[in-house]
Structures are given as structure tokens and as C-alpha cells.
N, C-alpha and C. Protein backbone atom coordinates (compact mmCIF):
# COMPACT_ATOMS: atom_id res chain seq x y z
N GLU A 1 -96.12 -58.98 -9.19
CA GLU A 1 -96.82 -59.83 -8.25
C GLU A 1 -97.10 -59.11 -6.96
N GLY A 2 -96.67 -57.86 -6.86
CA GLY A 2 -96.97 -57.07 -5.68
C GLY A 2 -96.09 -57.39 -4.48
N ILE A 3 -94.96 -58.02 -4.70
CA ILE A 3 -94.05 -58.35 -3.60
C ILE A 3 -93.17 -57.14 -3.32
N PRO A 4 -93.17 -56.66 -2.08
CA PRO A 4 -92.32 -55.50 -1.77
C PRO A 4 -90.84 -55.89 -1.77
N TRP A 5 -89.97 -54.99 -2.25
CA TRP A 5 -88.53 -55.25 -2.29
C TRP A 5 -87.79 -53.94 -2.23
N GLU A 6 -86.54 -54.04 -1.87
CA GLU A 6 -85.68 -52.87 -1.81
C GLU A 6 -84.42 -53.14 -2.64
N ASP A 7 -83.92 -52.08 -3.30
CA ASP A 7 -82.64 -52.20 -3.98
C ASP A 7 -81.53 -52.37 -2.94
N VAL A 8 -80.59 -53.23 -3.26
CA VAL A 8 -79.44 -53.43 -2.40
C VAL A 8 -78.23 -52.85 -3.12
N ALA A 9 -77.55 -51.92 -2.47
CA ALA A 9 -76.35 -51.31 -3.07
C ALA A 9 -75.16 -52.23 -2.83
N TYR A 10 -74.65 -52.81 -3.89
CA TYR A 10 -73.49 -53.70 -3.79
C TYR A 10 -72.22 -52.95 -4.13
N PHE A 11 -71.14 -53.30 -3.42
CA PHE A 11 -69.83 -52.74 -3.71
C PHE A 11 -69.31 -53.37 -4.99
N ASP A 12 -68.85 -52.56 -5.93
CA ASP A 12 -68.26 -53.07 -7.17
C ASP A 12 -66.85 -53.54 -6.87
N ASN A 13 -66.66 -54.83 -6.80
CA ASN A 13 -65.40 -55.43 -6.39
C ASN A 13 -64.34 -55.43 -7.50
N ALA A 14 -64.66 -54.92 -8.67
CA ALA A 14 -63.72 -54.94 -9.80
C ALA A 14 -62.42 -54.19 -9.47
N ILE A 15 -62.51 -53.10 -8.74
CA ILE A 15 -61.32 -52.33 -8.42
C ILE A 15 -60.38 -53.12 -7.51
N VAL A 16 -60.93 -53.94 -6.62
CA VAL A 16 -60.12 -54.79 -5.75
C VAL A 16 -59.49 -55.92 -6.57
N CYS A 17 -60.29 -56.52 -7.45
CA CYS A 17 -59.77 -57.59 -8.31
C CYS A 17 -58.63 -57.07 -9.18
N ASN A 18 -58.77 -55.87 -9.72
CA ASN A 18 -57.70 -55.28 -10.53
C ASN A 18 -56.45 -55.02 -9.71
N CYS A 19 -56.61 -54.59 -8.49
CA CYS A 19 -55.47 -54.33 -7.62
C CYS A 19 -54.67 -55.62 -7.40
N ILE A 20 -55.36 -56.72 -7.28
CA ILE A 20 -54.71 -58.00 -6.99
C ILE A 20 -54.24 -58.70 -8.26
N ASP A 21 -55.09 -58.73 -9.28
CA ASP A 21 -54.86 -59.65 -10.40
C ASP A 21 -54.57 -59.00 -11.75
N SER A 22 -54.50 -57.69 -11.82
CA SER A 22 -54.29 -57.02 -13.10
C SER A 22 -52.90 -57.31 -13.68
N LYS A 23 -52.85 -57.45 -15.00
CA LYS A 23 -51.57 -57.63 -15.69
C LYS A 23 -50.99 -56.29 -16.11
N ARG A 24 -51.83 -55.35 -16.55
CA ARG A 24 -51.40 -54.01 -16.96
C ARG A 24 -52.44 -53.00 -16.52
N PRO A 25 -52.13 -52.11 -15.63
CA PRO A 25 -50.87 -52.06 -14.90
C PRO A 25 -50.76 -53.25 -13.95
N ALA A 26 -49.56 -53.60 -13.64
CA ALA A 26 -49.32 -54.80 -12.84
C ALA A 26 -49.95 -54.69 -11.46
N GLY A 27 -50.66 -55.75 -11.08
CA GLY A 27 -51.24 -55.84 -9.75
C GLY A 27 -50.31 -56.61 -8.82
N VAL A 28 -50.80 -56.92 -7.66
CA VAL A 28 -50.00 -57.59 -6.63
C VAL A 28 -49.44 -58.92 -7.14
N LEU A 29 -50.27 -59.75 -7.75
CA LEU A 29 -49.80 -61.08 -8.18
C LEU A 29 -48.81 -61.00 -9.34
N ALA A 30 -49.02 -60.08 -10.27
CA ALA A 30 -48.07 -59.92 -11.37
C ALA A 30 -46.71 -59.46 -10.85
N MET A 31 -46.71 -58.57 -9.86
CA MET A 31 -45.45 -58.12 -9.28
C MET A 31 -44.77 -59.24 -8.49
N LEU A 32 -45.55 -60.07 -7.85
CA LEU A 32 -44.99 -61.21 -7.13
C LEU A 32 -44.35 -62.19 -8.11
N ASP A 33 -45.04 -62.48 -9.20
CA ASP A 33 -44.47 -63.37 -10.23
C ASP A 33 -43.15 -62.82 -10.76
N GLU A 34 -43.13 -61.51 -11.01
CA GLU A 34 -41.92 -60.87 -11.51
C GLU A 34 -40.78 -60.97 -10.50
N GLU A 35 -41.08 -60.72 -9.25
CA GLU A 35 -40.05 -60.75 -8.21
C GLU A 35 -39.51 -62.17 -8.00
N CYS A 36 -40.33 -63.16 -8.28
CA CYS A 36 -39.90 -64.56 -8.11
C CYS A 36 -38.92 -65.00 -9.20
N ILE A 37 -38.90 -64.32 -10.35
CA ILE A 37 -38.02 -64.76 -11.43
C ILE A 37 -36.72 -63.95 -11.53
N VAL A 38 -36.65 -62.81 -10.84
CA VAL A 38 -35.40 -62.05 -10.88
C VAL A 38 -34.38 -62.71 -9.96
N PRO A 39 -33.10 -62.70 -10.34
CA PRO A 39 -32.09 -63.43 -9.57
C PRO A 39 -31.98 -63.06 -8.09
N GLN A 40 -32.07 -61.82 -7.75
CA GLN A 40 -31.93 -61.40 -6.34
C GLN A 40 -33.27 -61.01 -5.73
N GLY A 41 -34.35 -61.61 -6.20
CA GLY A 41 -35.67 -61.27 -5.68
C GLY A 41 -35.82 -61.66 -4.22
N SER A 42 -36.60 -60.88 -3.49
CA SER A 42 -36.82 -61.17 -2.08
C SER A 42 -38.18 -60.62 -1.65
N ASP A 43 -38.64 -61.06 -0.50
CA ASP A 43 -39.89 -60.55 0.04
C ASP A 43 -39.79 -59.05 0.33
N ASP A 44 -38.64 -58.62 0.82
CA ASP A 44 -38.45 -57.18 1.09
C ASP A 44 -38.51 -56.35 -0.19
N LYS A 45 -37.86 -56.83 -1.23
CA LYS A 45 -37.89 -56.10 -2.52
C LYS A 45 -39.29 -56.11 -3.10
N PHE A 46 -40.02 -57.22 -2.92
CA PHE A 46 -41.40 -57.30 -3.37
C PHE A 46 -42.25 -56.25 -2.65
N HIS A 47 -42.07 -56.12 -1.34
CA HIS A 47 -42.81 -55.12 -0.57
C HIS A 47 -42.51 -53.71 -1.06
N THR A 48 -41.24 -53.43 -1.31
CA THR A 48 -40.84 -52.12 -1.81
C THR A 48 -41.45 -51.85 -3.18
N LYS A 49 -41.42 -52.86 -4.04
CA LYS A 49 -41.97 -52.73 -5.39
C LYS A 49 -43.47 -52.43 -5.33
N LEU A 50 -44.19 -53.09 -4.44
CA LEU A 50 -45.62 -52.81 -4.29
C LEU A 50 -45.85 -51.36 -3.90
N GLY A 51 -45.14 -50.91 -2.88
CA GLY A 51 -45.31 -49.54 -2.40
C GLY A 51 -45.01 -48.49 -3.45
N ARG A 52 -44.05 -48.78 -4.32
CA ARG A 52 -43.66 -47.80 -5.35
C ARG A 52 -44.57 -47.83 -6.57
N ASN A 53 -45.22 -48.96 -6.85
CA ASN A 53 -45.89 -49.13 -8.13
C ASN A 53 -47.40 -49.27 -8.11
N ILE A 54 -47.97 -49.77 -7.04
CA ILE A 54 -49.42 -49.96 -7.02
C ILE A 54 -50.09 -48.60 -6.83
N ARG A 55 -50.90 -48.23 -7.79
CA ARG A 55 -51.65 -46.98 -7.75
C ARG A 55 -53.13 -47.32 -7.81
N ASN A 56 -53.65 -47.78 -6.69
CA ASN A 56 -55.03 -48.20 -6.61
C ASN A 56 -55.57 -47.69 -5.29
N PRO A 57 -56.73 -47.04 -5.29
CA PRO A 57 -57.24 -46.47 -4.05
C PRO A 57 -57.55 -47.51 -2.96
N GLN A 58 -57.66 -48.77 -3.34
CA GLN A 58 -57.94 -49.81 -2.36
C GLN A 58 -56.66 -50.33 -1.69
N PHE A 59 -55.50 -49.95 -2.21
CA PHE A 59 -54.21 -50.43 -1.73
C PHE A 59 -53.56 -49.39 -0.82
N THR A 60 -52.98 -49.87 0.28
CA THR A 60 -52.19 -49.01 1.16
C THR A 60 -50.90 -49.73 1.48
N GLY A 61 -49.78 -49.12 1.12
CA GLY A 61 -48.48 -49.69 1.47
C GLY A 61 -48.27 -49.52 2.96
N GLY A 62 -47.76 -50.52 3.59
CA GLY A 62 -47.57 -50.44 5.03
C GLY A 62 -46.10 -50.33 5.38
N SER A 63 -45.84 -50.36 6.65
CA SER A 63 -44.45 -50.32 7.11
C SER A 63 -43.96 -51.74 7.34
N GLY A 64 -42.66 -51.88 7.42
CA GLY A 64 -42.10 -53.21 7.64
C GLY A 64 -42.40 -54.13 6.47
N ASP A 65 -43.12 -55.20 6.74
CA ASP A 65 -43.43 -56.17 5.68
C ASP A 65 -44.93 -56.23 5.37
N THR A 66 -45.69 -55.20 5.73
CA THR A 66 -47.13 -55.26 5.55
C THR A 66 -47.64 -54.29 4.49
N PHE A 67 -48.78 -54.65 3.93
CA PHE A 67 -49.58 -53.76 3.08
C PHE A 67 -51.02 -54.14 3.32
N SER A 68 -51.94 -53.28 2.91
CA SER A 68 -53.35 -53.60 3.09
C SER A 68 -54.15 -53.31 1.83
N ILE A 69 -55.22 -54.06 1.70
CA ILE A 69 -56.18 -53.88 0.61
C ILE A 69 -57.55 -53.79 1.25
N THR A 70 -58.30 -52.76 0.87
CA THR A 70 -59.65 -52.60 1.38
C THR A 70 -60.60 -53.40 0.49
N HIS A 71 -61.12 -54.48 1.03
CA HIS A 71 -62.08 -55.33 0.35
C HIS A 71 -63.49 -54.86 0.70
N TYR A 72 -64.50 -55.50 0.14
CA TYR A 72 -65.88 -55.11 0.42
C TYR A 72 -66.22 -55.21 1.90
N ALA A 73 -65.57 -56.15 2.61
CA ALA A 73 -65.88 -56.36 4.02
C ALA A 73 -65.01 -55.53 4.96
N GLY A 74 -64.01 -54.86 4.41
CA GLY A 74 -63.15 -54.04 5.25
C GLY A 74 -61.69 -54.16 4.86
N VAL A 75 -60.83 -53.61 5.69
CA VAL A 75 -59.39 -53.59 5.41
C VAL A 75 -58.78 -54.93 5.82
N VAL A 76 -57.99 -55.50 4.90
CA VAL A 76 -57.27 -56.74 5.19
C VAL A 76 -55.77 -56.43 5.10
N VAL A 77 -55.03 -56.75 6.15
CA VAL A 77 -53.60 -56.50 6.21
C VAL A 77 -52.86 -57.78 5.85
N TYR A 78 -51.90 -57.66 4.96
CA TYR A 78 -51.10 -58.79 4.50
C TYR A 78 -49.64 -58.58 4.90
N SER A 79 -48.96 -59.67 5.16
CA SER A 79 -47.53 -59.65 5.41
C SER A 79 -46.84 -60.29 4.21
N THR A 80 -45.82 -59.64 3.67
CA THR A 80 -45.12 -60.19 2.51
C THR A 80 -44.12 -61.27 2.89
N THR A 81 -43.91 -61.49 4.17
CA THR A 81 -42.98 -62.53 4.60
C THR A 81 -43.45 -63.90 4.12
N GLY A 82 -42.59 -64.55 3.35
CA GLY A 82 -42.93 -65.88 2.84
C GLY A 82 -43.70 -65.90 1.54
N PHE A 83 -44.05 -64.74 1.00
CA PHE A 83 -44.82 -64.70 -0.24
C PHE A 83 -44.10 -65.41 -1.37
N GLN A 84 -42.80 -65.17 -1.51
CA GLN A 84 -42.06 -65.78 -2.61
C GLN A 84 -42.03 -67.29 -2.51
N ASP A 85 -41.76 -67.81 -1.33
CA ASP A 85 -41.71 -69.27 -1.16
C ASP A 85 -43.06 -69.90 -1.47
N LYS A 86 -44.13 -69.25 -1.08
CA LYS A 86 -45.48 -69.78 -1.32
C LYS A 86 -45.87 -69.69 -2.79
N ASN A 87 -45.24 -68.79 -3.55
CA ASN A 87 -45.58 -68.58 -4.95
C ASN A 87 -44.80 -69.48 -5.89
N LYS A 88 -43.74 -70.09 -5.43
CA LYS A 88 -42.89 -70.91 -6.31
C LYS A 88 -43.49 -72.26 -6.58
């Protein structure tokens, strides 16, 4: 129809979704579920588990109780404090 248009380069969000929701390898939510069912699970242990196990370029383990995930719009910093209580 002769309408001018330009291609728009979209960020493929699949890598972020996998970081958060993957079952194998375990993503953030799978590790949270696991930490909630172990007898001595805690937010601190959950944070440590994330830092040791998440191997995704969008994930950055932080200090203290924080970690970050780079989403399409930028870096989002999360605090693990209270994650277990909110997940139960």
C-alpha cells in the first residue's frame, strides 16, 4: 500500500523469563520454592543459593540481601528480605 515503515528491534525477553521462571536449570522462583520447603530455609540462604547457582547473563548477585536482573527496560534490584513469607 506504499506506507513507509521501519523495523523495530525488540529485546528477546526469553532469557529474562528463563532466569526467573525456569525449572531446569532452576531459576529464581524454583529456588525460592525449594528454599521454602527445606526445614531451615531462610531469606539469607535463598540469597546465597541464588548467587551460587544462577548462571544467566541477566542476573547479578548482589551484596547483603540484594540481587538484580536486567530486564528490557533496565536493571531491577530485588531484596530477598521477606521473599519466603510472601511465597508461602
